[in-house]
Amino acid sequence: MARLLIVHHTPSPSMQTLLESVLEGARNDEIEGVEVVTRPALGATVPDVLAADAVIVGTTANIGYMAGAVKHFFDTVYYPCLTDTTGLPYALYVHGNNDTTGAVRAVEAIAKGMSWERHRPPVSVIGEVGRDDREACWELGAVCALAALERSGEE
């Protein structure tokens, strides 16, 4: 069975809404053969990443950067996973009150350093979460579940 890992920092109602939308898309009844595993960023481990066929990262944008919890996740898994996860499909969703540019840039730089492959452009949400944002996160979850299935060779 393919495995989609969702690593998230969800400290606010807005982030909870985005996470729920990602999960709904990833767990779409039309997609079979994918186990969806969610981990808070501070609890995600090297074995979680090594077992994943695709990863979605969800973070807030804090003072022009990703959440500290997400940075901790990357600090924890970077070297232990560096050579064994080359080509891993990943995607990102970010919420900020006024700007997400720095957070997106930081996550993409680390993922590039790990030789992960961005599967979709980031979903970047500023301010109130709207219907289009929820739909974009639903789609992100669904297409990343399919990416996990494809990488695992289970399709």
Protein backbone atom coordinates (compact mmCIF):
# COMPACT_ATOMS: atom_id res chain seq x y z
CA MET A 1 0.00 0.00 0.00
CA ALA A 2 1.22 3.49 -0.84
CA ARG A 3 1.77 5.95 2.00
CA LEU A 4 1.12 9.69 1.97
CA LEU A 5 2.66 11.52 4.92
CA ILE A 6 1.13 14.83 5.97
CA VAL A 7 3.41 16.80 8.30
CA HIS A 8 1.66 19.84 9.70
CA HIS A 9 1.81 22.65 12.21
CA THR A 10 -1.79 23.48 13.04
CA PRO A 11 -2.00 26.13 15.78
CA SER A 12 -5.05 28.02 14.50
CA PRO A 13 -8.58 27.49 13.20
CA SER A 14 -7.43 28.56 9.73
CA MET A 15 -4.71 25.90 9.66
CA GLN A 16 -7.17 23.32 10.99
CA THR A 17 -9.55 24.12 8.11
CA LEU A 18 -6.75 23.75 5.57
CA LEU A 19 -5.57 20.47 7.11
CA GLU A 20 -9.09 19.06 7.07
CA SER A 21 -9.45 19.98 3.40
CA VAL A 22 -6.13 18.31 2.55
CA LEU A 23 -7.21 15.18 4.44
CA GLU A 24 -10.59 15.06 2.69
CA GLY A 25 -8.88 15.18 -0.69
CA ALA A 26 -6.26 12.61 0.25
CA ARG A 27 -8.91 10.25 1.60
CA ASN A 28 -11.18 10.62 -1.41
CA ASP A 29 -13.17 7.40 -1.93
CA GLU A 30 -12.09 7.31 -5.57
CA ILE A 31 -8.44 6.85 -4.57
CA GLU A 32 -7.72 3.36 -3.33
CA GLY A 33 -4.52 1.84 -2.03
CA VAL A 34 -3.15 4.87 -0.19
CA GLU A 35 -2.64 5.04 3.55
CA VAL A 36 -2.78 8.64 4.76
CA VAL A 37 -0.58 9.26 7.79
CA THR A 38 -0.71 12.59 9.62
CA ARG A 39 1.94 13.81 12.01
CA PRO A 40 2.27 17.09 13.86
CA ALA A 41 5.58 18.61 12.81
CA LEU A 42 7.08 18.16 16.28
CA GLY A 43 6.16 14.46 16.25
CA ALA A 44 7.19 13.46 12.73
CA THR A 45 10.17 11.13 12.62
CA VAL A 46 12.82 9.83 10.27
CA PRO A 47 10.98 6.47 9.92
CA ASP A 48 7.80 8.37 8.97
CA VAL A 49 9.62 10.06 6.09
CA LEU A 50 11.50 6.94 4.99
CA ALA A 51 8.20 5.02 4.79
CA ALA A 52 6.46 7.75 2.75
CA ASP A 53 5.82 7.66 -0.98
CA ALA A 54 4.87 11.37 -0.95
CA VAL A 55 4.83 14.16 1.63
CA ILE A 56 2.61 17.19 2.19
CA VAL A 57 3.91 19.89 4.51
CA GLY A 58 1.54 22.38 6.13
CA THR A 59 2.90 25.44 7.92
CA THR A 60 2.04 28.87 9.12
CA ALA A 61 4.07 31.82 7.91
CA ASN A 62 5.64 33.34 11.00
CA ILE A 63 7.67 36.54 10.79
CA GLY A 64 8.59 35.82 7.18
CA TYR A 65 9.54 32.18 7.76
CA MET A 66 8.06 28.72 8.22
CA ALA A 67 6.83 27.71 11.66
CA GLY A 68 9.56 26.71 14.09
CA ALA A 69 7.93 23.31 14.47
CA VAL A 70 8.28 22.67 10.73
CA LYS A 71 11.91 23.85 10.81
CA HIS A 72 12.47 21.38 13.66
CA PHE A 73 10.96 18.62 11.51
CA PHE A 74 13.35 19.40 8.67
CA ASP A 75 16.32 19.66 11.07
CA THR A 76 15.43 16.22 12.42
CA VAL A 77 15.02 14.41 9.09
CA TYR A 78 17.39 16.26 6.77
CA TYR A 79 20.60 14.23 7.03
CA PRO A 80 19.11 10.85 7.97
CA CYS A 81 16.76 11.01 4.95
CA LEU A 82 18.99 12.88 2.52
CA THR A 83 20.12 10.02 0.30
CA ASP A 84 17.16 7.67 0.75
CA THR A 85 14.37 10.06 -0.28
CA THR A 86 15.76 11.51 -3.49
CA GLY A 87 12.90 12.27 -5.87
CA LEU A 88 10.24 12.08 -3.17
CA PRO A 89 7.16 14.00 -4.36
CA TYR A 90 6.14 16.76 -1.98
CA ALA A 91 3.66 19.59 -1.78
CA LEU A 92 3.11 22.51 0.54
CA TYR A 93 0.27 24.56 1.97
CA VAL A 94 0.92 27.75 3.92
CA HIS A 95 -1.25 30.22 5.80
CA GLY A 96 -0.22 33.73 6.79
CA ASN A 97 -1.93 36.87 7.94
CA ASN A 98 -0.21 39.12 5.41
CA ASP A 99 2.57 37.29 3.53
CA THR A 100 3.72 33.72 2.91
CA THR A 101 6.64 34.35 0.56
CA GLY A 102 9.43 33.70 3.06
CA ALA A 103 7.84 30.52 4.40
CA VAL A 104 7.33 29.12 0.88
CA ARG A 105 10.90 30.02 -0.12
CA ALA A 106 12.36 28.39 3.01
CA VAL A 107 10.46 25.10 2.66
CA GLU A 108 11.22 24.89 -1.06
CA ALA A 109 14.93 25.53 -0.44
CA ILE A 110 15.14 22.71 2.11
CA ALA A 111 13.12 20.32 -0.07
CA LYS A 112 15.38 21.12 -3.02
CA GLY A 113 18.41 20.45 -0.83
CA MET A 114 16.93 17.05 -0.03
CA SER A 115 16.35 16.45 -3.76
CA TRP A 116 12.60 16.14 -3.24
CA GLU A 117 10.44 16.94 -6.26
CA ARG A 118 7.70 19.52 -5.94
CA HIS A 119 4.56 17.80 -7.16
CA ARG A 120 2.28 20.86 -7.18
CA PRO A 121 2.72 24.59 -6.69
CA PRO A 122 2.20 25.58 -3.06
CA VAL A 123 -1.24 26.54 -1.83
CA SER A 124 -0.64 29.91 -0.24
CA VAL A 125 -3.47 31.43 1.80
CA ILE A 126 -3.39 34.94 3.23
CA GLY A 127 -6.02 36.04 5.72
CA GLU A 128 -9.42 34.38 5.94
CA VAL A 129 -9.70 30.90 4.47
CA GLY A 130 -12.25 30.90 1.64
CA ARG A 131 -13.98 28.28 -0.46
CA ASP A 132 -11.32 28.47 -3.20
CA ASP A 133 -8.59 27.89 -0.59
CA ARG A 134 -10.39 24.85 0.78
CA GLU A 135 -10.86 23.47 -2.74
CA ALA A 136 -7.18 24.06 -3.56
CA CYS A 137 -6.17 22.13 -0.43
CA TRP A 138 -8.63 19.33 -1.23
CA GLU A 139 -7.06 19.05 -4.69
CA LEU A 140 -3.57 19.14 -3.18
CA GLY A 141 -4.44 16.19 -0.95
CA ALA A 142 -5.99 14.20 -3.80
CA VAL A 143 -3.18 14.71 -6.32
CA CYS A 144 -0.53 13.97 -3.72
CA ALA A 145 -2.30 10.74 -2.79
CA LEU A 146 -2.15 9.81 -6.46
CA ALA A 147 1.55 10.76 -6.54
CA ALA A 148 2.18 8.43 -3.60
CA LEU A 149 0.35 5.66 -5.42
CA GLU A 150 2.38 6.24 -8.57
CA ARG A 151 5.72 6.30 -6.71
CA SER A 152 4.90 3.11 -4.86
CA GLY A 153 4.13 1.35 -8.12
CA GLU A 154 0.71 0.29 -6.82
CA GLU A 155 -1.41 2.04 -9.46
